[in-house]
Amino acid sequence: MTCSCPKCHGQIEIDLSNIPESGTLTPCPECKIRFWVNKETYARRALIKEGNIYCDKCGNELEHKIVCKACGVMYPDYYLVQASKPPRRQVEKPELFSLSFTLKPSTPTYAYTYTYTGAKESSERTPKVLLKRVGLLALVALLAVGIAYLYHINQVEKQYAKNYMRALYTIKTGTDLSLNTCAKISAEWKTKMDAGQSFVPRISLEDESRLNMVKTATDGFMQKLNETPKKYINSKEKLANLYGVYTKVHALAVAPSGSLSGFTDSATKSGSEFNVVVKDLKASMPTGLSEELQVAKVKYKGLKDI
């Protein structure tokens, strides 16, 4: 989600998966203040006193309407971005009351006793019965261990799929930012050359900071994919190839050099190579990852064209 800092109004990219249900203080990379971000339901919208709100489905800033203009969701829940943490909510507890009453019988009551006499059950267990019970307990324990193991594997695969999509999102975001920066440098370079002026290609400090911030986040998510489930090994290799293309584009944008034609051709070829690798990655994606990709497309706008 791209939101605006309450103080400096800089545009900040926030990973919504890192926002807990209780909200969190998030640092602004531009002015270094910490502002508050938390998710709220549509029912609390009338209570907003300050801050901006963003649709929890598409991340776009909401207007004062009952529908999100960007994704068309009616009565959308939202993320609230404000300068400070709101005061703790007071929850009123309803008073509890109890009723007690006594029924007095109008007729006499009678007590009955019943004694059963039958064959005495022997407290002794034969070795054969004991062996059966021990075997049954061992089978139940083995079954429980197997179920727990399968559950653990399933949870590991689910978490891996989430981290995979986060890495894919930051790679896509970083590549788009790098290519846009290269295009901006090429345009300025050509303008200077057409005017007969000398030009040293150089990236602005703001663009460099933004590119490096995305690169750091991407490297962090890639490290979380070191332990790869067997069924996702091939997809991890495809993602590593995509990451390799991204690092080339990032290096080209951060440190432009050479001639204008050579620089422009390198950026164009890298963009085409990235699209080819993305197509190959998506075509070979197993079921678990493809299902998580559909979920991620709703959460991350940058993945919608993958």
Protein backbone atom coordinates (compact mmCIF):
# COMPACT_ATOMS: atom_id res chain seq x y z
CA MET A 1 0.00 0.00 0.00
CA THR A 2 1.30 3.46 -0.90
CA CYS A 3 0.32 6.04 1.74
CA SER A 4 1.20 9.64 2.57
CA CYS A 5 3.30 10.55 5.64
CA PRO A 6 1.15 12.69 8.03
CA LYS A 7 4.07 15.10 8.59
CA CYS A 8 6.14 15.45 5.39
CA HIS A 9 3.48 14.03 3.01
CA GLY A 10 6.09 11.81 1.36
CA GLN A 11 4.84 8.72 -0.48
CA ILE A 12 5.64 5.56 1.49
CA GLU A 13 5.25 1.91 0.42
CA ILE A 14 3.92 -0.23 3.30
CA ASP A 15 3.72 -4.03 3.34
CA LEU A 16 0.24 -4.65 4.84
CA SER A 17 1.18 -8.20 5.87
CA ASN A 18 3.47 -6.66 8.52
CA ILE A 19 0.65 -4.63 10.11
CA PRO A 20 -0.78 -6.53 13.16
CA GLU A 21 -4.47 -6.45 14.04
CA SER A 22 -3.74 -4.13 16.98
CA GLY A 23 -1.91 -1.58 14.75
CA THR A 24 1.69 -0.43 14.80
CA LEU A 25 3.95 2.63 14.72
CA THR A 26 5.72 2.82 11.34
CA PRO A 27 8.83 4.96 10.64
CA CYS A 28 8.83 7.39 7.70
CA PRO A 29 12.04 6.93 5.64
CA GLU A 30 11.91 10.59 4.60
CA CYS A 31 11.42 12.63 7.81
CA LYS A 32 12.11 9.79 10.31
CA ILE A 33 8.93 10.32 12.40
CA ARG A 34 6.90 7.33 13.55
CA PHE A 35 3.25 7.43 12.53
CA TRP A 36 0.36 5.11 13.42
CA VAL A 37 -1.17 2.55 11.04
CA ASN A 38 -4.03 0.20 11.96
CA LYS A 39 -6.94 -1.57 10.33
CA GLU A 40 -10.52 -0.55 11.13
CA THR A 41 -13.99 -1.73 10.08
CA TYR A 42 -16.32 0.43 8.02
CA ALA A 43 -18.61 0.80 11.07
CA ARG A 44 -15.99 2.97 12.84
CA ARG A 45 -15.54 5.34 9.92
CA ALA A 46 -17.84 7.99 11.42
CA LEU A 47 -15.56 8.21 14.48
CA ILE A 48 -12.45 9.32 12.54
CA LYS A 49 -11.10 12.65 13.82
CA GLU A 50 -7.78 12.80 12.00
CA GLY A 51 -5.59 10.97 9.48
CA ASN A 52 -6.11 9.43 6.04
CA ILE A 53 -7.84 6.14 5.23
CA TYR A 54 -6.96 3.55 2.57
CA CYS A 55 -9.01 0.64 1.21
CA ASP A 56 -7.91 -2.70 2.70
CA LYS A 57 -8.65 -4.45 -0.60
CA CYS A 58 -6.73 -2.34 -3.13
CA GLY A 59 -4.73 0.11 -0.95
CA ASN A 60 -6.10 3.24 -2.66
CA GLU A 61 -7.03 6.32 -0.59
CA LEU A 62 -10.76 6.39 0.17
CA GLU A 63 -13.08 9.32 -0.38
CA HIS A 64 -16.12 10.09 1.79
CA LYS A 65 -18.34 7.61 -0.02
CA ILE A 66 -19.74 4.17 0.78
CA VAL A 67 -17.82 2.56 -2.10
CA CYS A 68 -14.11 2.41 -3.00
CA LYS A 69 -13.66 4.36 -6.25
CA ALA A 70 -10.68 2.22 -7.29
CA CYS A 71 -11.86 -1.39 -6.73
CA GLY A 72 -15.63 -0.89 -6.35
CA VAL A 73 -15.96 -2.61 -2.94
CA MET A 74 -19.08 -1.49 -1.02
CA TYR A 75 -18.64 -0.44 2.63
CA PRO A 76 -14.91 -1.20 2.59
CA ASP A 77 -12.85 -1.78 5.71
CA TYR A 78 -9.81 0.49 5.76
CA TYR A 79 -6.32 1.21 7.06
CA LEU A 80 -6.08 4.41 9.13
CA VAL A 81 -2.83 6.42 8.87
CA GLN A 82 -2.43 9.20 11.43
CA ALA A 83 0.33 11.10 13.18
CA SER A 84 -0.01 9.52 16.63
CA LYS A 85 -1.38 6.43 18.29
CA PRO A 86 -5.07 6.92 19.25
CA PRO A 87 -6.12 6.65 22.92
CA ARG A 88 -7.08 3.23 24.19
CA ARG A 89 -10.71 2.39 23.55
CA GLN A 90 -12.98 2.03 26.57
CA VAL A 91 -15.22 -1.00 26.32
CA GLU A 92 -18.37 -0.84 28.38
CA LYS A 93 -19.14 -4.04 30.21
CA PRO A 94 -22.83 -4.85 30.61
CA GLU A 95 -24.07 -5.37 34.12
CA LEU A 96 -24.99 -8.93 34.85
CA PHE A 97 -27.92 -9.96 37.03
CA SER A 98 -29.21 -13.29 38.17
CA LEU A 99 -32.56 -14.67 39.18
CA SER A 100 -33.03 -17.26 41.85
CA PHE A 101 -36.16 -19.02 42.90
CA THR A 102 -37.20 -22.11 44.89
CA LEU A 103 -39.85 -24.61 43.96
CA LYS A 104 -41.73 -26.12 46.87
CA PRO A 105 -43.14 -29.53 46.10
CA SER A 106 -46.86 -29.84 46.80
CA THR A 107 -46.75 -33.62 46.88
CA PRO A 108 -44.63 -35.98 48.95
CA THR A 109 -41.33 -37.09 47.48
CA TYR A 110 -40.03 -40.62 47.62
CA ALA A 111 -36.54 -42.06 47.48
CA TYR A 112 -35.85 -45.35 45.81
CA THR A 113 -32.80 -47.55 46.15
CA TYR A 114 -31.80 -50.20 43.71
CA THR A 115 -29.14 -52.80 44.27
CA TYR A 116 -27.63 -54.79 41.43
CA THR A 117 -26.05 -58.10 42.14
CA GLY A 118 -24.28 -59.79 39.38
CA ALA A 119 -21.14 -61.55 38.40
CA LYS A 120 -17.98 -60.04 39.83
CA GLU A 121 -15.73 -58.57 37.20
CA SER A 122 -12.29 -59.90 37.68
CA SER A 123 -9.64 -57.21 38.23
CA GLU A 124 -7.04 -59.39 36.68
CA ARG A 125 -6.19 -58.82 33.02
CA THR A 126 -4.73 -61.57 30.94
CA PRO A 127 -1.43 -60.88 29.12
CA LYS A 128 -3.21 -61.17 25.78
CA VAL A 129 -5.66 -58.36 26.59
CA LEU A 130 -2.84 -56.14 27.89
CA LEU A 131 -0.84 -56.66 24.72
CA LYS A 132 -3.84 -55.67 22.61
CA ARG A 133 -4.31 -52.49 24.59
CA VAL A 134 -0.62 -51.58 24.41
CA GLY A 135 -0.65 -52.17 20.66
CA LEU A 136 -3.75 -49.99 20.27
CA LEU A 137 -2.17 -47.17 22.29
CA ALA A 138 1.01 -47.40 20.22
CA LEU A 139 -1.03 -47.21 17.01
CA VAL A 140 -2.94 -44.15 18.27
CA ALA A 141 0.33 -42.47 19.29
CA LEU A 142 1.88 -43.22 15.90
CA LEU A 143 -1.17 -41.84 14.12
CA ALA A 144 -1.06 -38.67 16.24
CA VAL A 145 2.62 -38.16 15.43
CA GLY A 146 1.90 -38.62 11.71
CA ILE A 147 -0.95 -36.10 11.77
CA ALA A 148 1.19 -33.59 13.68
CA TYR A 149 4.02 -34.03 11.17
CA LEU A 150 1.72 -33.51 8.18
CA TYR A 151 0.24 -30.44 9.83
CA HIS A 152 3.73 -29.04 10.43
CA ILE A 153 4.71 -29.64 6.79
CA ASN A 154 1.52 -27.96 5.62
CA GLN A 155 2.17 -24.91 7.81
CA VAL A 156 5.78 -24.68 6.59
CA GLU A 157 4.63 -24.78 2.95
CA LYS A 158 1.97 -22.10 3.57
CA GLN A 159 4.48 -19.76 5.23
CA TYR A 160 6.99 -20.38 2.44
CA ALA A 161 4.35 -19.49 -0.17
CA LYS A 162 3.62 -16.19 1.64
CA ASN A 163 7.34 -15.28 1.79
CA TYR A 164 7.71 -16.29 -1.87
CA MET A 165 4.99 -13.82 -2.89
CA ARG A 166 6.53 -11.07 -0.77
CA ALA A 167 9.88 -11.64 -2.48
CA LEU A 168 8.19 -11.69 -5.91
CA TYR A 169 6.38 -8.44 -5.09
CA THR A 170 9.53 -6.57 -4.00
CA ILE A 171 11.47 -7.89 -7.03
CA LYS A 172 8.70 -6.66 -9.36
CA THR A 173 8.48 -3.31 -7.53
CA GLY A 174 12.27 -2.84 -7.56
CA THR A 175 12.52 -3.70 -11.25
CA ASP A 176 9.75 -1.25 -12.20
CA LEU A 177 11.36 1.51 -10.14
CA SER A 178 14.78 0.81 -11.69
CA LEU A 179 13.45 0.82 -15.26
CA ASN A 180 11.55 4.06 -14.62
CA THR A 181 14.73 5.62 -13.23
CA CYS A 182 16.71 4.48 -16.29
CA ALA A 183 14.07 6.01 -18.57
CA LYS A 184 14.29 9.31 -16.68
CA ILE A 185 18.09 9.34 -16.96
CA SER A 186 17.94 8.52 -20.69
CA ALA A 187 15.47 11.33 -21.35
CA GLU A 188 17.60 13.90 -19.51
CA TRP A 189 20.75 12.58 -21.21
CA LYS A 190 19.23 12.94 -24.69
CA THR A 191 17.97 16.45 -23.95
CA LYS A 192 21.45 17.58 -22.93
CA MET A 193 23.07 15.96 -25.99
CA ASP A 194 20.55 17.54 -28.39
CA ALA A 195 21.36 20.92 -26.84
CA GLY A 196 25.09 20.31 -27.38
CA GLN A 197 25.81 20.19 -23.65
CA SER A 198 27.97 17.70 -21.81
CA PHE A 199 26.17 15.38 -19.41
CA VAL A 200 27.32 13.00 -16.68
CA PRO A 201 24.52 10.49 -15.99
CA ARG A 202 23.71 10.52 -12.29
CA ILE A 203 20.82 9.31 -10.16
CA SER A 204 19.21 11.65 -7.62
CA LEU A 205 19.69 10.97 -3.91
CA GLU A 206 15.93 10.50 -3.48
CA ASP A 207 15.72 7.88 -6.24
CA GLU A 208 18.83 6.11 -4.95
CA SER A 209 17.42 5.94 -1.42
CA ARG A 210 14.13 4.51 -2.67
CA LEU A 211 15.81 1.90 -4.89
CA ASN A 212 18.16 0.79 -2.11
CA MET A 213 15.29 0.54 0.38
CA VAL A 214 13.41 -1.85 -1.93
CA LYS A 215 16.62 -3.81 -2.59
CA THR A 216 17.20 -4.29 1.14
CA ALA A 217 13.63 -5.55 1.64
CA THR A 218 14.01 -7.92 -1.33
CA ASP A 219 17.26 -9.39 0.00
CA GLY A 220 15.57 -9.98 3.36
CA PHE A 221 12.68 -11.92 1.81
CA MET A 222 15.05 -13.95 -0.40
CA GLN A 223 16.97 -15.06 2.71
CA LYS A 224 13.72 -16.40 4.19
CA LEU A 225 13.49 -18.77 1.20
CA ASN A 226 16.77 -20.58 1.93
CA GLU A 227 15.01 -23.65 3.38
CA THR A 228 12.81 -24.65 0.45
CA PRO A 229 10.17 -27.43 0.59
CA LYS A 230 10.88 -30.14 -1.97
CA LYS A 231 7.76 -29.36 -4.04
CA TYR A 232 8.89 -25.72 -4.48
CA ILE A 233 12.55 -26.23 -5.42
CA ASN A 234 11.97 -25.63 -9.14
CA SER A 235 9.97 -22.45 -8.41
CA LYS A 236 12.75 -21.21 -6.13
CA GLU A 237 15.22 -21.57 -9.03
CA LYS A 238 12.89 -19.58 -11.32
CA LEU A 239 12.63 -16.85 -8.69
CA ALA A 240 16.42 -16.80 -8.30
CA ASN A 241 16.71 -16.22 -12.08
CA LEU A 242 14.25 -13.34 -11.81
CA TYR A 243 16.20 -11.90 -8.89
CA GLY A 244 19.36 -12.02 -11.05
CA VAL A 245 17.70 -9.91 -13.76
CA TYR A 246 16.46 -7.49 -11.10
CA THR A 247 19.95 -6.98 -9.64
CA LYS A 248 21.28 -6.10 -13.12
CA VAL A 249 18.55 -3.49 -13.67
CA HIS A 250 19.09 -2.12 -10.16
CA ALA A 251 22.85 -1.76 -10.72
CA LEU A 252 22.21 -0.08 -14.09
CA ALA A 253 19.89 2.50 -12.49
CA VAL A 254 22.07 3.20 -9.43
CA ALA A 255 25.32 3.58 -11.39
CA PRO A 256 24.57 4.64 -15.01
CA SER A 257 27.59 4.70 -17.31
CA GLY A 258 28.77 4.30 -20.91
CA SER A 259 27.10 5.90 -23.89
CA LEU A 260 23.46 6.94 -24.16
CA SER A 261 22.69 4.30 -26.78
CA GLY A 262 24.45 1.56 -24.81
CA PHE A 263 22.70 2.55 -21.58
CA THR A 264 19.28 2.67 -23.25
CA ASP A 265 19.78 -0.69 -25.00
CA SER A 266 20.85 -2.36 -21.73
CA ALA A 267 17.75 -1.10 -19.94
CA THR A 268 15.46 -2.22 -22.78
CA LYS A 269 17.01 -5.70 -23.00
CA SER A 270 16.83 -6.14 -19.22
CA GLY A 271 13.13 -5.21 -19.23
CA SER A 272 12.41 -7.74 -21.99
CA GLU A 273 14.43 -10.44 -20.23
CA PHE A 274 12.51 -9.79 -17.01
CA ASN A 275 9.15 -10.32 -18.76
CA VAL A 276 10.36 -13.60 -20.32
CA VAL A 277 11.53 -14.97 -16.95
CA VAL A 278 8.27 -13.90 -15.27
CA LYS A 279 6.27 -15.77 -17.91
CA ASP A 280 8.37 -18.91 -17.41
CA LEU A 281 8.05 -18.63 -13.61
CA LYS A 282 4.26 -18.35 -13.74
CA ALA A 283 3.86 -21.22 -16.23
CA SER A 284 5.75 -23.68 -13.98
CA MET A 285 4.24 -22.55 -10.66
CA PRO A 286 2.76 -25.45 -8.59
CA THR A 287 -0.76 -25.35 -7.14
CA GLY A 288 0.18 -24.05 -3.68
CA LEU A 289 2.07 -21.06 -5.08
CA SER A 290 -0.44 -20.30 -7.83
CA GLU A 291 -3.26 -20.16 -5.26
CA GLU A 292 -1.18 -17.85 -3.04
CA LEU A 293 -0.45 -15.67 -6.09
CA GLN A 294 -4.17 -15.02 -6.59
CA VAL A 295 -4.42 -13.94 -2.95
CA ALA A 296 -1.30 -11.75 -3.29
CA LYS A 297 -2.67 -10.00 -6.39
CA VAL A 298 -5.49 -8.62 -4.25
CA LYS A 299 -3.07 -7.49 -1.53
CA TYR A 300 -0.23 -6.15 -3.71
CA LYS A 301 -1.09 -3.88 -6.65
CA GLY A 302 2.31 -4.50 -8.25
CA LEU A 303 1.49 -8.17 -8.90
CA LYS A 304 -1.74 -7.59 -10.83
CA ASP A 305 -0.03 -7.75 -14.25
CA ILE A 306 1.82 -11.01 -13.49
